PDB file of N, CA and C in Angstrom:
ATOM      1  N   UNK A   1      84.684 118.206 116.842  1.00  0.00           N
ATOM      2  CA  UNK A   1      84.923 116.817 116.492  1.00  0.00           C
ATOM      3  C   UNK A   1      84.241 116.522 115.152  1.00  0.00           C
ATOM      4  N   UNK A   2      84.974 115.906 114.261  1.00  0.00           N
ATOM      5  CA  UNK A   2      84.462 115.579 112.939  1.00  0.00           C
ATOM      6  C   UNK A   2      83.923 114.150 112.945  1.00  0.00           C
ATOM      7  N   UNK A   3      82.613 114.009 112.759  1.00  0.00           N
ATOM      8  CA  UNK A   3      81.990 112.683 112.749  1.00  0.00           C
ATOM      9  C   UNK A   3      81.661 112.223 111.344  1.00  0.00           C
ATOM     10  N   UNK A   4      82.206 112.886 110.344  1.00  0.00           N
ATOM     11  CA  UNK A   4      81.907 112.506 108.975  1.00  0.00           C
ATOM     12  C   UNK A   4      82.706 111.278 108.572  1.00  0.00           C
ATOM     13  N   UNK A   5      82.080 110.472 107.735  1.00  0.00           N
ATOM     14  CA  UNK A   5      82.731 109.287 107.189  1.00  0.00           C
ATOM     15  C   UNK A   5      82.742 109.444 105.681  1.00  0.00           C
ATOM     16  N   UNK A   6      83.899 109.250 105.084  1.00  0.00           N
ATOM     17  CA  UNK A   6      83.996 109.320 103.636  1.00  0.00           C
ATOM     18  C   UNK A   6      84.028 107.898 103.094  1.00  0.00           C
ATOM     19  N   UNK A   7      83.085 107.623 102.214  1.00  0.00           N
ATOM     20  CA  UNK A   7      82.998 106.299 101.602  1.00  0.00           C
ATOM     21  C   UNK A   7      83.403 106.446 100.145  1.00  0.00           C
ATOM     22  N   UNK A   8      84.431 105.694  99.755  1.00  0.00           N
ATOM     23  CA  UNK A   8      84.936 105.817  98.388  1.00  0.00           C
ATOM     24  C   UNK A   8      84.756 104.539  97.574  1.00  0.00           C
ATOM     25  N   UNK A   9      84.219 103.493  98.228  1.00  0.00           N
ATOM     26  CA  UNK A   9      84.046 102.241  97.502  1.00  0.00           C
ATOM     27  C   UNK A   9      82.943 101.408  98.156  1.00  0.00           C
ATOM     28  N   UNK A  10      82.494 100.400  97.430  1.00  0.00           N
ATOM     29  CA  UNK A  10      81.506  99.485  97.984  1.00  0.00           C
ATOM     30  C   UNK A  10      82.085  98.759  99.204  1.00  0.00           C
ATOM     31  N   UNK A  11      83.355  98.422  99.148  1.00  0.00           N
ATOM     32  CA  UNK A  11      83.965  97.711 100.280  1.00  0.00           C
ATOM     33  C   UNK A  11      84.018  98.606 101.519  1.00  0.00           C
ATOM     34  N   UNK A  12      84.230  99.916 101.344  1.00  0.00           N
ATOM     35  CA  UNK A  12      84.164 100.846 102.487  1.00  0.00           C
ATOM     36  C   UNK A  12      82.772 100.811 103.109  1.00  0.00           C
ATOM     37  N   UNK A  13      81.763 100.836 102.251  1.00  0.00           N
ATOM     38  CA  UNK A  13      80.370 100.824 102.703  1.00  0.00           C
ATOM     39  C   UNK A  13      80.076  99.525 103.454  1.00  0.00           C
ATOM     40  N   UNK A  14      80.522  98.402 102.901  1.00  0.00           N
ATOM     41  CA  UNK A  14      80.311  97.109 103.552  1.00  0.00           C
ATOM     42  C   UNK A  14      81.027  97.048 104.894  1.00  0.00           C
ATOM     43  N   UNK A  15      82.248  97.573 104.938  1.00  0.00           N
ATOM     44  CA  UNK A  15      83.034  97.574 106.177  1.00  0.00           C
ATOM     45  C   UNK A  15      82.320  98.382 107.259  1.00  0.00           C
ATOM     46  N   UNK A  16      81.828  99.542 106.905  1.00  0.00           N
ATOM     47  CA  UNK A  16      81.128 100.386 107.874  1.00  0.00           C
ATOM     48  C   UNK A  16      79.852  99.706 108.353  1.00  0.00           C
ATOM     49  N   UNK A  17      79.115  99.100 107.451  1.00  0.00           N
ATOM     50  CA  UNK A  17      77.898  98.383 107.834  1.00  0.00           C
ATOM     51  C   UNK A  17      78.240  97.236 108.776  1.00  0.00           C
ATOM     52  N   UNK A  18      79.310  96.506 108.481  1.00  0.00           N
ATOM     53  CA  UNK A  18      79.754  95.410 109.338  1.00  0.00           C
ATOM     54  C   UNK A  18      80.136  95.932 110.723  1.00  0.00           C
ATOM     55  N   UNK A  19      80.848  97.064 110.777  1.00  0.00           N
ATOM     56  CA  UNK A  19      81.243  97.658 112.055  1.00  0.00           C
ATOM     57  C   UNK A  19      80.017  98.094 112.861  1.00  0.00           C
ATOM     58  N   UNK A  20      79.020  98.631 112.187  1.00  0.00           N
ATOM     59  CA  UNK A  20      77.784  99.025 112.865  1.00  0.00           C
ATOM     60  C   UNK A  20      77.103  97.794 113.446  1.00  0.00           C
ATOM     61  N   UNK A  21      77.017  96.729 112.657  1.00  0.00           N
ATOM     62  CA  UNK A  21      76.404  95.492 113.141  1.00  0.00           C
ATOM     63  C   UNK A  21      77.149  94.931 114.350  1.00  0.00           C
ATOM     64  N   UNK A  22      78.477  94.978 114.326  1.00  0.00           N
ATOM     65  CA  UNK A  22      79.267  94.506 115.466  1.00  0.00           C
ATOM     66  C   UNK A  22      78.998  95.355 116.705  1.00  0.00           C
ATOM     67  N   UNK A  23      78.906  96.659 116.519  1.00  0.00           N
ATOM     68  CA  UNK A  23      78.615  97.550 117.644  1.00  0.00           C
ATOM     69  C   UNK A  23      77.240  97.268 118.226  1.00  0.00           C
ATOM     70  N   UNK A  24      76.271  97.032 117.364  1.00  0.00           N
ATOM     71  CA  UNK A  24      74.921  96.705 117.817  1.00  0.00           C
ATOM     72  C   UNK A  24      74.947  95.401 118.612  1.00  0.00           C
ATOM     73  N   UNK A  25      75.682  94.418 118.113  1.00  0.00           N
ATOM     74  CA  UNK A  25      75.783  93.127 118.791  1.00  0.00           C
ATOM     75  C   UNK A  25      76.408  93.293 120.179  1.00  0.00           C
ATOM     76  N   UNK A  26      77.467  94.087 120.274  1.00  0.00           N
ATOM     77  CA  UNK A  26      78.115  94.333 121.571  1.00  0.00           C
ATOM     78  C   UNK A  26      77.170  95.066 122.519  1.00  0.00           C
ATOM     79  N   UNK A  27      76.424  96.010 121.992  1.00  0.00           N
ATOM     80  CA  UNK A  27      75.460  96.746 122.798  1.00  0.00           C
ATOM     81  C   UNK A  27      74.381  95.806 123.331  1.00  0.00           C
ATOM     82  N   UNK A  28      73.920  94.905 122.475  1.00  0.00           N
ATOM     83  CA  UNK A  28      72.906  93.921 122.891  1.00  0.00           C
ATOM     84  C   UNK A  28      73.459  93.032 124.001  1.00  0.00           C
ATOM     85  N   UNK A  29      74.688  92.564 123.853  1.00  0.00           N
ATOM     86  CA  UNK A  29      75.317  91.735 124.888  1.00  0.00           C
ATOM     87  C   UNK A  29      75.417  92.506 126.203  1.00  0.00           C
ATOM     88  N   UNK A  30      75.776  93.770 126.119  1.00  0.00           N
ATOM     89  CA  UNK A  30      75.890  94.604 127.323  1.00  0.00           C
ATOM     90  C   UNK A  30      74.548  94.713 128.031  1.00  0.00           C
ATOM     91  N   UNK A  31      73.478  94.950 127.274  1.00  0.00           N
ATOM     92  CA  UNK A  31      72.156  95.054 127.877  1.00  0.00           C
ATOM     93  C   UNK A  31      71.714  93.719 128.473  1.00  0.00           C
ATOM     94  N   UNK A  32      72.055  92.616 127.830  1.00  0.00           N
ATOM     95  CA  UNK A  32      71.702  91.302 128.375  1.00  0.00           C
ATOM     96  C   UNK A  32      72.427  91.047 129.696  1.00  0.00           C
ATOM     97  N   UNK A  33      73.718  91.400 129.750  1.00  0.00           N
ATOM     98  CA  UNK A  33      74.490  91.261 130.994  1.00  0.00           C
ATOM     99  C   UNK A  33      73.931  92.173 132.078  1.00  0.00           C
ATOM    100  N   UNK A  34      73.604  93.389 131.682  1.00  0.00           N
ATOM    101  CA  UNK A  34      73.046  94.349 132.625  1.00  0.00           C
ATOM    102  C   UNK A  34      71.745  93.833 133.225  1.00  0.00           C
ATOM    103  N   UNK A  35      70.903  93.270 132.383  1.00  0.00           N
ATOM    104  CA  UNK A  35      69.628  92.739 132.864  1.00  0.00           C
ATOM    105  C   UNK A  35      69.850  91.616 133.883  1.00  0.00           C
ATOM    106  N   UNK A  36      70.805  90.741 133.614  1.00  0.00           N
ATOM    107  CA  UNK A  36      71.113  89.651 134.556  1.00  0.00           C
ATOM    108  C   UNK A  36      71.611  90.196 135.888  1.00  0.00           C
ATOM    109  N   UNK A  37      72.473  91.190 135.812  1.00  0.00           N
ATOM    110  CA  UNK A  37      72.995  91.794 137.044  1.00  0.00           C
ATOM    111  C   UNK A  37      71.889  92.516 137.812  1.00  0.00           C
ATOM    112  N   UNK A  38      70.992  93.151 137.094  1.00  0.00           N
ATOM    113  CA  UNK A  38      69.885  93.857 137.748  1.00  0.00           C
ATOM    114  C   UNK A  38      68.950  92.888 138.460  1.00  0.00           C
ATOM    115  N   UNK A  39      68.777  91.717 137.862  1.00  0.00           N
ATOM    116  CA  UNK A  39      67.925  90.720 138.512  1.00  0.00           C
ATOM    117  C   UNK A  39      68.527  90.279 139.844  1.00  0.00           C
ATOM    118  N   UNK A  40      69.845  90.229 139.917  1.00  0.00           N
ATOM    119  CA  UNK A  40      70.505  89.913 141.182  1.00  0.00           C
ATOM    120  C   UNK A  40      70.192  91.004 142.206  1.00  0.00           C
ATOM    121  N   UNK A  41      70.176  92.237 141.727  1.00  0.00           N
ATOM    122  CA  UNK A  41      69.912  93.377 142.592  1.00  0.00           C
ATOM    123  C   UNK A  41      68.476  93.343 143.117  1.00  0.00           C
ATOM    124  N   UNK A  42      67.575  92.770 142.360  1.00  0.00           N
ATOM    125  CA  UNK A  42      66.167  92.748 142.729  1.00  0.00           C
ATOM    126  C   UNK A  42      65.787  91.507 143.536  1.00  0.00           C
ATOM    127  N   UNK A  43      66.759  90.694 143.849  1.00  0.00           N
ATOM    128  CA  UNK A  43      66.537  89.474 144.615  1.00  0.00           C
ATOM    129  C   UNK A  43      66.086  89.837 146.036  1.00  0.00           C
ATOM    130  N   UNK A  44      65.058  89.147 146.553  1.00  0.00           N
ATOM    131  CA  UNK A  44      64.569  89.467 147.906  1.00  0.00           C
ATOM    132  C   UNK A  44      65.619  89.274 149.005  1.00  0.00           C
ATOM    133  N   UNK A  45      66.626  88.440 148.733  1.00  0.00           N
ATOM    134  CA  UNK A  45      67.684  88.212 149.732  1.00  0.00           C
ATOM    135  C   UNK A  45      68.752  89.302 149.706  1.00  0.00           C
ATOM    136  N   UNK A  46      68.634  90.231 148.777  1.00  0.00           N
ATOM    137  CA  UNK A  46      69.619  91.291 148.631  1.00  0.00           C
ATOM    138  C   UNK A  46      69.185  92.517 149.431  1.00  0.00           C
ATOM    139  N   UNK A  47      70.156  93.133 150.038  1.00  0.00           N
ATOM    140  CA  UNK A  47      69.888  94.356 150.796  1.00  0.00           C
ATOM    141  C   UNK A  47      69.317  95.405 149.843  1.00  0.00           C
ATOM    142  N   UNK A  48      68.323  96.155 150.280  1.00  0.00           N
ATOM    143  CA  UNK A  48      67.715  97.183 149.439  1.00  0.00           C
ATOM    144  C   UNK A  48      67.746  98.531 150.146  1.00  0.00           C
ATOM    145  N   UNK A  49      67.700  99.545 149.322  1.00  0.00           N
ATOM    146  CA  UNK A  49      67.624 100.916 149.816  1.00  0.00           C
ATOM    147  C   UNK A  49      66.845 101.720 148.797  1.00  0.00           C
ATOM    148  N   UNK A  50      66.550 102.939 149.114  1.00  0.00           N
ATOM    149  CA  UNK A  50      65.845 103.794 148.158  1.00  0.00           C
ATOM    150  C   UNK A  50      66.686 104.006 146.898  1.00  0.00           C
ATOM    151  N   UNK A  51      67.982 104.230 147.072  1.00  0.00           N
ATOM    152  CA  UNK A  51      68.839 104.444 145.895  1.00  0.00           C
ATOM    153  C   UNK A  51      68.911 103.182 145.034  1.00  0.00           C
ATOM    154  N   UNK A  52      68.915 102.018 145.675  1.00  0.00           N
ATOM    155  CA  UNK A  52      68.926 100.761 144.924  1.00  0.00           C
ATOM    156  C   UNK A  52      67.650 100.622 144.126  1.00  0.00           C
ATOM    157  N   UNK A  53      66.522 100.943 144.740  1.00  0.00           N
ATOM    158  CA  UNK A  53      65.240 100.830 144.049  1.00  0.00           C
ATOM    159  C   UNK A  53      65.160 101.787 142.864  1.00  0.00           C
ATOM    160  N   UNK A  54      65.632 103.013 143.054  1.00  0.00           N
ATOM    161  CA  UNK A  54      65.615 104.000 141.974  1.00  0.00           C
ATOM    162  C   UNK A  54      66.555 103.562 140.854  1.00  0.00           C
ATOM    163  N   UNK A  55      67.746 103.115 141.232  1.00  0.00           N
ATOM    164  CA  UNK A  55      68.718 102.644 140.233  1.00  0.00           C
ATOM    165  C   UNK A  55      68.152 101.473 139.444  1.00  0.00           C
ATOM    166  N   UNK A  56      67.595 100.515 140.169  1.00  0.00           N
ATOM    167  CA  UNK A  56      67.005  99.350 139.512  1.00  0.00           C
ATOM    168  C   UNK A  56      65.911  99.775 138.545  1.00  0.00           C
ATOM    169  N   UNK A  57      65.046 100.650 138.981  1.00  0.00           N
ATOM    170  CA  UNK A  57      63.940 101.112 138.142  1.00  0.00           C
ATOM    171  C   UNK A  57      64.437 101.816 136.878  1.00  0.00           C
ATOM    172  N   UNK A  58      65.419 102.694 137.040  1.00  0.00           N
ATOM    173  CA  UNK A  58      65.948 103.442 135.886  1.00  0.00           C
ATOM    174  C   UNK A  58      66.617 102.501 134.878  1.00  0.00           C
ATOM    175  N   UNK A  59      67.441 101.602 135.391  1.00  0.00           N
ATOM    176  CA  UNK A  59      68.129 100.685 134.486  1.00  0.00           C
ATOM    177  C   UNK A  59      67.165  99.707 133.830  1.00  0.00           C
ATOM    178  N   UNK A  60      66.174  99.234 134.566  1.00  0.00           N
ATOM    179  CA  UNK A  60      65.195  98.321 133.964  1.00  0.00           C
ATOM    180  C   UNK A  60      64.389  99.037 132.880  1.00  0.00           C
ATOM    181  N   UNK A  61      64.161 100.324 133.070  1.00  0.00           N
ATOM    182  CA  UNK A  61      63.481 101.092 132.020  1.00  0.00           C
ATOM    183  C   UNK A  61      64.339 101.107 130.753  1.00  0.00           C
ATOM    184  N   UNK A  62      65.643 101.333 130.917  1.00  0.00           N
ATOM    185  CA  UNK A  62      66.552 101.330 129.765  1.00  0.00           C
ATOM    186  C   UNK A  62      66.579  99.945 129.113  1.00  0.00           C
ATOM    187  N   UNK A  63      66.636  98.903 129.929  1.00  0.00           N
ATOM    188  CA  UNK A  63      66.651  97.529 129.410  1.00  0.00           C
ATOM    189  C   UNK A  63      65.354  97.233 128.657  1.00  0.00           C
ATOM    190  N   UNK A  64      64.248  97.725 129.178  1.00  0.00           N
ATOM    191  CA  UNK A  64      62.953  97.423 128.556  1.00  0.00           C
ATOM    192  C   UNK A  64      62.769  98.101 127.202  1.00  0.00           C
ATOM    193  N   UNK A  65      63.398  99.262 126.999  1.00  0.00           N
ATOM    194  CA  UNK A  65      63.241  99.932 125.696  1.00  0.00           C
ATOM    195  C   UNK A  65      64.309  99.519 124.691  1.00  0.00           C
ATOM    196  N   UNK A  66      65.327  98.789 125.152  1.00  0.00           N
ATOM    197  CA  UNK A  66      66.385  98.401 124.224  1.00  0.00           C
ATOM    198  C   UNK A  66      65.891  97.564 123.050  1.00  0.00           C
ATOM    199  N   UNK A  67      64.959  96.619 123.221  1.00  0.00           N
ATOM    200  CA  UNK A  67      64.490  95.865 122.054  1.00  0.00           C
ATOM    201  C   UNK A  67      63.936  96.767 120.951  1.00  0.00           C
ATOM    202  N   UNK A  68      63.285  97.850 121.316  1.00  0.00           N
ATOM    203  CA  UNK A  68      62.791  98.795 120.302  1.00  0.00           C
ATOM    204  C   UNK A  68      63.950  99.469 119.573  1.00  0.00           C
ATOM    205  N   UNK A  69      64.928  99.884 120.351  1.00  0.00           N
ATOM    206  CA  UNK A  69      66.115 100.527 119.761  1.00  0.00           C
ATOM    207  C   UNK A  69      66.849  99.528 118.876  1.00  0.00           C
ATOM    208  N   UNK A  70      67.033  98.317 119.377  1.00  0.00           N
ATOM    209  CA  UNK A  70      67.728  97.277 118.630  1.00  0.00           C
ATOM    210  C   UNK A  70      67.015  96.977 117.310  1.00  0.00           C
ATOM    211  N   UNK A  71      65.689  96.924 117.359  1.00  0.00           N
ATOM    212  CA  UNK A  71      64.905  96.677 116.149  1.00  0.00           C
ATOM    213  C   UNK A  71      65.156  97.770 115.114  1.00  0.00           C
ATOM    214  N   UNK A  72      65.155  99.012 115.558  1.00  0.00           N
ATOM    215  CA  UNK A  72      65.395 100.131 114.626  1.00  0.00           C
ATOM    216  C   UNK A  72      66.814 100.077 114.063  1.00  0.00           C
ATOM    217  N   UNK A  73      67.775  99.735 114.909  1.00  0.00           N
ATOM    218  CA  UNK A  73      69.156  99.621 114.433  1.00  0.00           C
ATOM    219  C   UNK A  73      69.294  98.479 113.421  1.00  0.00           C
ATOM    220  N   UNK A  74      68.653  97.352 113.703  1.00  0.00           N
ATOM    221  CA  UNK A  74      68.684  96.224 112.756  1.00  0.00           C
ATOM    222  C   UNK A  74      68.045  96.608 111.428  1.00  0.00           C
ATOM    223  N   UNK A  75      66.933  97.322 111.498  1.00  0.00           N
ATOM    224  CA  UNK A  75      66.257  97.751 110.270  1.00  0.00           C
ATOM    225  C   UNK A  75      67.135  98.732 109.494  1.00  0.00           C
ATOM    226  N   UNK A  76      67.847  99.585 110.214  1.00  0.00           N
ATOM    227  CA  UNK A  76      68.722 100.546 109.551  1.00  0.00           C
ATOM    228  C   UNK A  76      69.869  99.849 108.834  1.00  0.00           C
ATOM    229  N   UNK A  77      70.502  98.884 109.488  1.00  0.00           N
ATOM    230  CA  UNK A  77      71.592  98.172 108.806  1.00  0.00           C
ATOM    231  C   UNK A  77      71.049  97.336 107.654  1.00  0.00           C
ATOM    232  N   UNK A  78      69.847  96.794 107.807  1.00  0.00           N
ATOM    233  CA  UNK A  78      69.215  96.078 106.705  1.00  0.00           C
ATOM    234  C   UNK A  78      68.987  96.996 105.517  1.00  0.00           C
ATOM    235  N   UNK A  79      68.526  98.218 105.803  1.00  0.00           N
ATOM    236  CA  UNK A  79      68.321  99.207 104.746  1.00  0.00           C
ATOM    237  C   UNK A  79      69.641  99.566 104.072  1.00  0.00           C
ATOM    238  N   UNK A  80      70.694  99.728 104.860  1.00  0.00           N
ATOM    239  CA  UNK A  80      72.008 100.057 104.282  1.00  0.00           C
ATOM    240  C   UNK A  80      72.480  98.950 103.338  1.00  0.00           C
ATOM    241  N   UNK A  81      72.313  97.699 103.767  1.00  0.00           N
ATOM    242  CA  UNK A  81      72.717  96.572 102.905  1.00  0.00           C
ATOM    243  C   UNK A  81      71.870  96.521 101.637  1.00  0.00           C
ATOM    244  N   UNK A  82      70.582  96.719 101.793  1.00  0.00           N
ATOM    245  CA  UNK A  82      69.658  96.712 100.650  1.00  0.00           C
ATOM    246  C   UNK A  82      70.031  97.826  99.668  1.00  0.00           C
ATOM    247  N   UNK A  83      70.300  99.008 100.201  1.00  0.00           N
ATOM    248  CA  UNK A  83      70.677 100.150  99.366  1.00  0.00           C
ATOM    249  C   UNK A  83      71.982  99.877  98.636  1.00  0.00           C
ATOM    250  N   UNK A  84      72.959  99.351  99.354  1.00  0.00           N
ATOM    251  CA  UNK A  84      74.241  99.030  98.731  1.00  0.00           C
ATOM    252  C   UNK A  84      74.050  98.022  97.608  1.00  0.00           C
ATOM    253  N   UNK A  85      73.256  97.019  97.851  1.00  0.00           N
ATOM    254  CA  UNK A  85      73.003  95.997  96.844  1.00  0.00           C
ATOM    255  C   UNK A  85      72.347  96.607  95.605  1.00  0.00           C
ATOM    256  N   UNK A  86      71.373  97.475  95.826  1.00  0.00           N
ATOM    257  CA  UNK A  86      70.706  98.139  94.695  1.00  0.00           C
ATOM    258  C   UNK A  86      71.673  99.022  93.908  1.00  0.00           C
ATOM    259  N   UNK A  87      72.487  99.804  94.614  1.00  0.00           N
ATOM    260  CA  UNK A  87      73.460 100.659  93.928  1.00  0.00           C
ATOM    261  C   UNK A  87      74.446  99.818  93.125  1.00  0.00           C
ATOM    262  N   UNK A  88      74.905  98.729  93.731  1.00  0.00           N
ATOM    263  CA  UNK A  88      75.869  97.863  93.043  1.00  0.00           C
ATOM    264  C   UNK A  88      75.236  97.259  91.792  1.00  0.00           C
ATOM    265  N   UNK A  89      73.978  96.821  91.882  1.00  0.00           N
ATOM    266  CA  UNK A  89      73.273  96.235  90.744  1.00  0.00           C
ATOM    267  C   UNK A  89      73.139  97.249  89.616  1.00  0.00           C
ATOM    268  N   UNK A  90      72.715  98.470  89.956  1.00  0.00           N
ATOM    269  CA  UNK A  90      72.562  99.522  88.945  1.00  0.00           C
ATOM    270  C   UNK A  90      73.918  99.874  88.344  1.00  0.00           C
ATOM    271  N   UNK A  91      74.920  99.957  89.188  1.00  0.00           N
ATOM    272  CA  UNK A  91      76.268 100.282  88.718  1.00  0.00           C
ATOM    273  C   UNK A  91      76.766  99.215  87.739  1.00  0.00           C
ATOM    274  N   UNK A  92      76.558  97.941  88.073  1.00  0.00           N
ATOM    275  CA  UNK A  92      76.982  96.843  87.186  1.00  0.00           C
ATOM    276  C   UNK A  92      76.241  96.890  85.848  1.00  0.00           C
ATOM    277  N   UNK A  93      74.924  97.125  85.906  1.00  0.00           N
ATOM    278  CA  UNK A  93      74.141  97.194  84.669  1.00  0.00           C
ATOM    279  C   UNK A  93      74.569  98.381  83.815  1.00  0.00           C
ATOM    280  N   UNK A  94      74.836  99.501  84.466  1.00  0.00           N
ATOM    281  CA  UNK A  94      75.283 100.688  83.737  1.00  0.00           C
ATOM    282  C   UNK A  94      76.632 100.427  83.073  1.00  0.00           C
ATOM    283  N   UNK A  95      77.537  99.808  83.809  1.00  0.00           N
ATOM    284  CA  UNK A  95      78.856  99.500  83.252  1.00  0.00           C
ATOM    285  C   UNK A  95      78.730  98.569  82.049  1.00  0.00           C
ATOM    286  N   UNK A  96      77.856  97.566  82.139  1.00  0.00           N
ATOM    287  CA  UNK A  96      77.655  96.638  81.011  1.00  0.00           C
ATOM    288  C   UNK A  96      77.089  97.363  79.799  1.00  0.00           C
ATOM    289  N   UNK A  97      76.165  98.285  80.035  1.00  0.00           N
ATOM    290  CA  UNK A  97      75.592  99.049  78.910  1.00  0.00           C
ATOM    291  C   UNK A  97      76.652  99.925  78.255  1.00  0.00           C
ATOM    292  N   UNK A  98      77.491 100.526  79.073  1.00  0.00           N
ATOM    293  CA  UNK A  98      78.563 101.368  78.516  1.00  0.00           C
ATOM    294  C   UNK A  98      79.516 100.515  77.702  1.00  0.00           C
ATOM    295  N   UNK A  99      79.877  99.354  78.230  1.00  0.00           N
ATOM    296  CA  UNK A  99      80.783  98.447  77.499  1.00  0.00           C
ATOM    297  C   UNK A  99      80.130  98.014  76.191  1.00  0.00           C
ATOM    298  N   UNK A 100      78.859  97.607  76.260  1.00  0.00           N
ATOM    299  CA  UNK A 100      78.149  97.191  75.049  1.00  0.00           C
ATOM    300  C   UNK A 100      78.044  98.339  74.054  1.00  0.00           C
ATOM    301  N   UNK A 101      77.780  99.531  74.522  1.00  0.00           N
ATOM    302  CA  UNK A 101      77.676 100.701  73.646  1.00  0.00           C
ATOM    303  C   UNK A 101      79.024 100.977  72.973  1.00  0.00           C
ATOM    304  N   UNK A 102      80.095 100.883  73.764  1.00  0.00           N
ATOM    305  CA  UNK A 102      81.415 101.106  73.199  1.00  0.00           C
ATOM    306  C   UNK A 102      81.779 100.034  72.193  1.00  0.00           C
ATOM    307  N   UNK A 103      81.358  98.792  72.441  1.00  0.00           N
ATOM    308  CA  UNK A 103      81.607  97.703  71.483  1.00  0.00           C
ATOM    309  C   UNK A 103      80.864  97.958  70.182  1.00  0.00           C
ATOM    310  N   UNK A 104      79.638  98.476  70.277  1.00  0.00           N
ATOM    311  CA  UNK A 104      78.866  98.798  69.054  1.00  0.00           C
ATOM    312  C   UNK A 104      79.542  99.913  68.261  1.00  0.00           C
ATOM    313  N   UNK A 105      80.038 100.914  68.968  1.00  0.00           N
ATOM    314  CA  UNK A 105      80.677 102.041  68.301  1.00  0.00           C
ATOM    315  C   UNK A 105      81.989 101.662  67.636  1.00  0.00           C
ATOM    316  N   UNK A 106      82.722 100.755  68.240  1.00  0.00           N
ATOM    317  CA  UNK A 106      84.010 100.370  67.662  1.00  0.00           C
ATOM    318  C   UNK A 106      83.851  99.409  66.486  1.00  0.00           C
ATOM    319  N   UNK A 107      82.687  98.738  66.394  1.00  0.00           N
ATOM    320  CA  UNK A 107      82.513  97.781  65.305  1.00  0.00           C
ATOM    321  C   UNK A 107      81.962  98.463  64.051  1.00  0.00           C
ATOM    322  N   UNK A 108      81.599  99.734  64.147  1.00  0.00           N
ATOM    323  CA  UNK A 108      81.017 100.439  62.976  1.00  0.00           C
ATOM    324  C   UNK A 108      82.108 100.960  62.083  1.00  0.00           C
TER     325      UNK A 108
END
């Protein structure tokens, strides 16, 4: 399976970053729903068993570490946006210098 992504433009980069952010948002919603459902499972009025307790414990562990994962994912998309912005700024400045240089050469 090929997991490579080819980026050929700033808009491709922005689109991919946006898609990553949407995926993170959906993942966060899923974990929030899961946590609510797990709380129902942990209700004292709910039938319990050993498998229920183990399942609850395992899923609550996953829910509890998600904020750390989410934070890292948010920081990563922030870094991608920051990097894109820096590249675009340098690219624009370079293009202006080339244009200015060419204007100087043509006026001589």
